[in-house]
Every structure is written in structure tokens, then in C-alpha cells.
Amino acid sequence: MTAGMSGSDEKAPDEDRDLRRYSSPACMLDEFDPAAAPLPLTLPATDPAQEWQEVRLWRKAKRAALIERRLAIPDADRAVYGKAITEALLRVLPSQPGTLIGFYWPFKGEYDPRPLARLLHARGMRLALPVVVQKAAPVIFREWRPGIAMTSGVWNIPVPAAGDPVAPSVLLVPVVGFDRQNYRLGYGGGYYDRTLAAAGANRPQAIGVGFERSRIPTIHPQPHDIPMDQVVTERALT
């Protein structure tokens, strides 16, 4: 059995379930503490090990605050923002049939890319979802299409139940936060950074996806952080 996976194959889950119950398997692998006190934006100069510990604490607090802010978006606004993001993504994504695009299963109020994925599939694109096979390692991607058998992965996240690993040429990557340099604040597992780093010269184009309220001045990038090639929100393409 694949590490991080559980249970037998089952039918594709109801895509209308509450989005707050799901997480991208490449993301939700560290806990966050909503009560954590935020640290100052400017961190004191220290030795590298101590500085990284301070950045981790700062990110943990900022992550919790940004998720709370995202969950507070009213439903009507969320629908408008989602439509704008979908339209922006359609402008920047490749249009050639057969292109393999990696997307994510939405979690805690993230932009929901599933309607977009179904539209892209109808236009002849291939789609894939990330699957965690080992903690603290790059993820693999398995091809997805509407109606494919799904199973529960890490944190009961729906993932394709079977399939050989594939290599998307473009990734849609959810952001908890992002900064002016397109560095991404995720859920703390570092899985997208590892995946992009491991791809080397074959690195896919990485498009961060989030809401404008997730924009922050800086994530305090570290040597292991890899910026997105672009970030799409309801207002801007950076």
C-alpha cells in the first residue's frame, strides 16, 4: 500500500461537499495554531539556525491569521472572486489539447479549481492531482479525470486511487499567503518546494492561486523556498 494512503478504492467523492473538509495532499502536513501570537514583520538578525526557528514561529502565526481571514470571505464575494480567478487562469494556462496540468483539491476556503478542471478536461487537457507517498519528500502526481476512482490519502484527502506517476508541465498551487516576490506561504510541510527542487531542469511552471487578501509584504524567504512563476488572484496576475 502506498505510504500515506488508506482504505480500498471507492467512488469519486461528492464534489459538492463542504470545501473546509479537504486539503491538498501536498500541503496539509503540519499543524497550525490559531492562537499563536504574531511576531514583528522585521525579524532580528541572528545565527541561521535561530533565525529559521523565529521565521517558523512567525509563519505559523501568520498562517493561522491568513486562513481565518480567508474563511471569513462571504459566500457572495467568494463566488465573484472565484469567477475572476477562473477567467484569469484560462488566460494564462496553455490551450493545447493534451497538456498535463496539475491542480489541487480545495481546503479551508481556498479557490476551488474543480470546475476549472472539468472545463479543461472537456477541452482536451489532461489533469493530475498530487499524492503524498512519503513524509518530507517530493509528491507524485496521478492522472485525474471526472468519475475516476478516488480514495482517501493523507488527512482523508481525496486522491486518485491508482495510476502511474505523471509529470505535469504546469502546476496550480494553492497559497495561504504570498509576497511581492511571489514567494508562497503554504501549510508548513514544504512539499511543493521539494517537488519543484527535485524536478531540476524539468521543473513545471508553478502558478500560485489565492485571494488578494492573502497578499503580505514578505514571507521571510529562506534558501529552501522556491518562488512561484506567477500568482493569480481575483484582482491581479503577478
Protein backbone atom coordinates (compact mmCIF):
# COMPACT_ATOMS: atom_id res chain seq x y z
CA MET A 1 0.00 0.00 0.00
CA THR A 2 1.24 3.48 -0.81
CA ALA A 3 2.53 5.33 2.24
CA GLY A 4 0.06 7.90 3.50
CA MET A 5 -2.89 6.19 1.79
CA SER A 6 -5.63 4.21 3.50
CA GLY A 7 -8.65 2.11 2.65
CA SER A 8 -9.71 0.46 -0.60
CA ASP A 9 -10.76 2.07 -3.87
CA GLU A 10 -14.06 3.88 -3.78
CA LYS A 11 -16.23 6.03 -5.98
CA ALA A 12 -15.28 9.64 -6.61
CA PRO A 13 -16.37 11.74 -3.61
CA ASP A 14 -19.24 14.18 -3.85
CA GLU A 15 -17.64 17.35 -5.20
CA ASP A 16 -20.27 19.50 -3.52
CA ARG A 17 -19.15 18.60 -0.01
CA ASP A 18 -18.02 21.37 2.30
CA LEU A 19 -14.66 22.58 0.98
CA ARG A 20 -13.43 23.10 4.50
CA ARG A 21 -13.13 19.36 4.98
CA TYR A 22 -10.50 18.88 2.31
CA SER A 23 -6.84 19.65 1.87
CA SER A 24 -4.35 19.46 -0.91
CA PRO A 25 -2.23 16.40 -0.07
CA ALA A 26 0.87 18.36 -0.91
CA CYS A 27 0.08 20.94 1.72
CA MET A 28 -1.74 19.91 4.86
CA LEU A 29 1.02 18.08 6.70
CA ASP A 30 1.83 20.40 9.58
CA GLU A 31 -0.48 21.67 12.27
CA PHE A 32 -1.12 25.33 12.82
CA ASP A 33 -2.05 27.16 15.98
CA PRO A 34 -4.75 29.83 15.55
CA ALA A 35 -3.91 31.25 18.96
CA ALA A 36 -0.25 31.80 18.20
CA ALA A 37 0.83 35.41 18.70
CA PRO A 38 2.18 37.09 15.54
CA LEU A 39 5.79 38.20 15.50
CA PRO A 40 7.02 41.52 14.15
CA LEU A 41 7.40 41.79 10.38
CA THR A 42 11.11 42.55 10.73
CA LEU A 43 12.95 39.75 12.48
CA PRO A 44 16.15 40.38 14.43
CA ALA A 45 19.47 39.35 12.91
CA THR A 46 20.66 36.08 14.47
CA ASP A 47 22.61 32.99 13.55
CA PRO A 48 20.93 30.99 10.73
CA ALA A 49 19.53 28.23 12.93
CA GLN A 50 17.96 30.65 15.39
CA GLU A 51 16.68 32.86 12.58
CA TRP A 52 14.95 29.89 10.93
CA GLN A 53 13.27 28.99 14.22
CA GLU A 54 11.98 32.56 14.53
CA VAL A 55 10.75 32.52 10.94
CA ARG A 56 8.95 29.23 11.56
CA LEU A 57 7.16 30.68 14.56
CA TRP A 58 6.26 33.81 12.64
CA ARG A 59 4.95 31.78 9.71
CA LYS A 60 2.87 29.60 12.00
CA ALA A 61 1.11 32.63 13.45
CA LYS A 62 0.72 34.33 10.07
CA ARG A 63 -0.62 31.14 8.51
CA ALA A 64 -3.36 30.87 11.12
CA ALA A 65 -4.36 34.52 10.71
CA LEU A 66 -4.49 34.26 6.91
CA ILE A 67 -6.60 31.11 6.97
CA GLU A 68 -9.04 32.77 9.35
CA ARG A 69 -9.19 35.80 7.04
CA ARG A 70 -9.84 33.55 4.03
CA LEU A 71 -12.61 31.62 5.76
CA ALA A 72 -14.34 34.93 6.57
CA ILE A 73 -14.96 35.74 2.89
CA PRO A 74 -18.76 35.98 2.38
CA ASP A 75 -20.24 33.41 0.02
CA ALA A 76 -21.38 36.04 -2.49
CA ASP A 77 -17.91 37.58 -2.65
CA ARG A 78 -16.30 34.14 -2.87
CA ALA A 79 -18.38 33.34 -5.95
CA VAL A 80 -17.35 36.61 -7.64
CA TYR A 81 -13.68 36.10 -6.73
CA GLY A 82 -13.76 32.51 -7.94
CA LYS A 83 -15.18 33.52 -11.31
CA ALA A 84 -12.49 36.19 -11.73
CA ILE A 85 -9.71 33.74 -10.83
CA THR A 86 -11.06 31.14 -13.25
CA GLU A 87 -11.13 33.70 -16.07
CA ALA A 88 -7.57 34.81 -15.26
CA LEU A 89 -6.30 31.22 -15.20
CA LEU A 90 -7.90 30.47 -18.55
CA ARG A 91 -5.92 33.39 -19.99
CA VAL A 92 -2.55 32.15 -18.70
CA LEU A 93 -2.88 28.36 -18.90
CA PRO A 94 -1.76 26.54 -22.05
CA SER A 95 -4.57 25.86 -24.52
CA GLN A 96 -3.01 22.99 -26.46
CA PRO A 97 -5.04 19.76 -26.03
CA GLY A 98 -3.11 17.03 -24.26
CA THR A 99 -1.24 19.42 -21.96
CA LEU A 100 -0.93 17.89 -18.49
CA ILE A 101 -1.90 20.32 -15.71
CA GLY A 102 -1.57 19.57 -12.01
CA PHE A 103 -4.25 21.02 -9.74
CA TYR A 104 -5.33 20.55 -6.11
CA TRP A 105 -8.33 19.51 -4.04
CA PRO A 106 -9.57 22.63 -2.16
CA PHE A 107 -9.26 23.09 1.59
CA LYS A 108 -10.46 25.64 4.15
CA GLY A 109 -11.91 28.21 1.79
CA GLU A 110 -9.28 28.00 -0.94
CA TYR A 111 -10.25 28.85 -4.50
CA ASP A 112 -11.97 25.74 -5.83
CA PRO A 113 -10.29 24.65 -9.09
CA ARG A 114 -12.52 21.63 -9.69
CA PRO A 115 -14.99 23.37 -12.05
CA LEU A 116 -12.00 24.71 -13.97
CA ALA A 117 -10.51 21.21 -14.09
CA ARG A 118 -13.72 19.80 -15.55
CA LEU A 119 -13.77 22.58 -18.15
CA LEU A 120 -10.14 21.94 -19.09
CA HIS A 121 -10.85 18.23 -19.37
CA ALA A 122 -13.74 18.96 -21.75
CA ARG A 123 -11.30 20.99 -23.87
CA GLY A 124 -8.92 18.06 -24.19
CA MET A 125 -6.45 18.86 -21.41
CA ARG A 126 -5.10 16.19 -19.07
CA LEU A 127 -5.29 16.77 -15.31
CA ALA A 128 -3.40 15.37 -12.33
CA LEU A 129 -3.59 15.55 -8.54
CA PRO A 130 -0.69 15.41 -6.06
CA VAL A 131 -0.27 12.35 -3.85
CA VAL A 132 1.96 12.13 -0.78
CA VAL A 133 3.89 8.87 -0.77
CA GLN A 134 6.44 9.74 1.89
CA LYS A 135 6.67 12.45 4.51
CA ALA A 136 9.33 15.11 3.94
CA ALA A 137 9.75 14.05 0.30
CA PRO A 138 8.52 15.26 -3.09
CA VAL A 139 4.96 14.33 -4.01
CA ILE A 140 3.99 12.32 -7.06
CA PHE A 141 1.12 13.16 -9.41
CA ARG A 142 -1.53 10.75 -10.65
CA GLU A 143 -3.76 11.49 -13.58
CA TRP A 144 -7.34 12.57 -12.77
CA ARG A 145 -10.49 12.80 -14.85
CA PRO A 146 -14.16 13.19 -13.91
CA GLY A 147 -15.56 9.98 -12.45
CA ILE A 148 -12.19 8.36 -11.76
CA ALA A 149 -11.97 6.09 -8.70
CA MET A 150 -10.72 8.05 -5.69
CA THR A 151 -9.52 7.03 -2.26
CA SER A 152 -8.54 8.78 0.96
CA GLY A 153 -4.96 9.92 1.23
CA VAL A 154 -3.23 11.88 3.98
CA TRP A 155 -5.75 13.59 6.27
CA ASN A 156 -8.57 11.79 4.35
CA ILE A 157 -7.88 13.91 1.29
CA PRO A 158 -9.36 12.55 -1.94
CA VAL A 159 -6.66 11.35 -4.35
CA PRO A 160 -6.74 9.08 -7.42
CA ALA A 161 -6.90 5.50 -6.19
CA ALA A 162 -4.40 4.16 -8.71
CA GLY A 163 -2.23 5.17 -11.61
CA ASP A 164 1.39 5.54 -12.60
CA PRO A 165 3.20 8.77 -11.71
CA VAL A 166 2.92 11.50 -14.32
CA ALA A 167 4.81 14.77 -14.79
CA PRO A 168 2.60 17.87 -15.26
CA SER A 169 4.09 20.72 -17.26
CA VAL A 170 2.06 23.26 -15.24
CA LEU A 171 1.06 23.22 -11.58
CA LEU A 172 -1.74 25.19 -9.92
CA VAL A 173 -0.50 25.66 -6.37
CA PRO A 174 -2.75 26.95 -3.56
CA VAL A 175 -1.31 29.73 -1.42
CA VAL A 176 -2.08 30.57 2.19
CA GLY A 177 -0.09 33.74 1.68
CA PHE A 178 2.24 35.22 -0.93
CA ASP A 179 4.53 38.22 -1.19
CA ARG A 180 5.73 40.74 -3.77
CA GLN A 181 8.42 38.33 -4.98
CA ASN A 182 5.86 35.55 -5.50
CA TYR A 183 7.19 33.50 -2.61
CA ARG A 184 4.45 31.30 -1.25
CA LEU A 185 3.41 30.66 2.34
CA GLY A 186 1.89 27.18 2.47
CA TYR A 187 0.87 24.85 5.27
CA GLY A 188 4.37 24.18 6.55
CA GLY A 189 5.17 20.80 5.04
CA GLY A 190 7.48 22.09 2.30
CA TYR A 191 6.18 19.55 -0.22
CA TYR A 192 5.79 21.84 -3.20
CA ASP A 193 9.27 23.29 -2.61
CA ARG A 194 10.73 19.76 -2.53
CA THR A 195 8.78 18.74 -5.61
CA LEU A 196 9.91 21.75 -7.64
CA ALA A 197 13.52 21.40 -6.46
CA ALA A 198 13.62 17.70 -7.36
CA ALA A 199 12.36 18.39 -10.90
CA GLY A 200 15.59 20.21 -11.79
CA ALA A 201 15.70 21.24 -15.44
CA ASN A 202 12.28 19.64 -15.96
CA ARG A 203 10.65 21.89 -13.39
CA PRO A 204 7.00 22.60 -14.27
CA GLN A 205 5.62 26.12 -14.45
CA ALA A 206 4.23 26.91 -10.99
CA ILE A 207 1.21 29.20 -10.78
CA GLY A 208 0.20 30.21 -7.28
CA VAL A 209 -3.54 30.65 -6.77
CA GLY A 210 -5.20 32.59 -3.97
CA PHE A 211 -7.24 35.59 -2.95
CA GLU A 212 -5.97 39.13 -2.84
CA ARG A 213 -6.41 39.21 0.93
CA SER A 214 -3.64 36.59 1.12
CA ARG A 215 -1.04 39.08 -0.11
CA ILE A 216 1.56 40.06 2.53
CA PRO A 217 4.75 42.17 2.36
CA THR A 218 7.09 39.17 2.77
CA ILE A 219 7.14 35.54 3.88
CA HIS A 220 10.77 35.99 5.01
CA PRO A 221 12.04 33.61 2.29
CA GLN A 222 14.72 31.09 3.20
CA PRO A 223 17.22 29.25 0.94
CA HIS A 224 14.87 26.29 0.54
CA ASP A 225 11.89 28.42 -0.55
CA ILE A 226 11.11 28.45 -4.29
CA PRO A 227 9.02 31.33 -5.68
CA MET A 228 6.04 30.79 -7.92
CA ASP A 229 6.46 31.76 -11.56
CA GLN A 230 3.17 33.66 -11.31
CA VAL A 231 0.46 34.28 -8.74
CA VAL A 232 -3.17 34.69 -9.77
CA THR A 233 -5.78 36.38 -7.58
CA GLU A 234 -9.21 37.82 -8.27
CA ARG A 235 -7.59 41.20 -8.95
CA ALA A 236 -4.12 40.65 -10.32
CA LEU A 237 -1.62 38.47 -12.11
CA THR A 238 1.90 38.90 -10.70
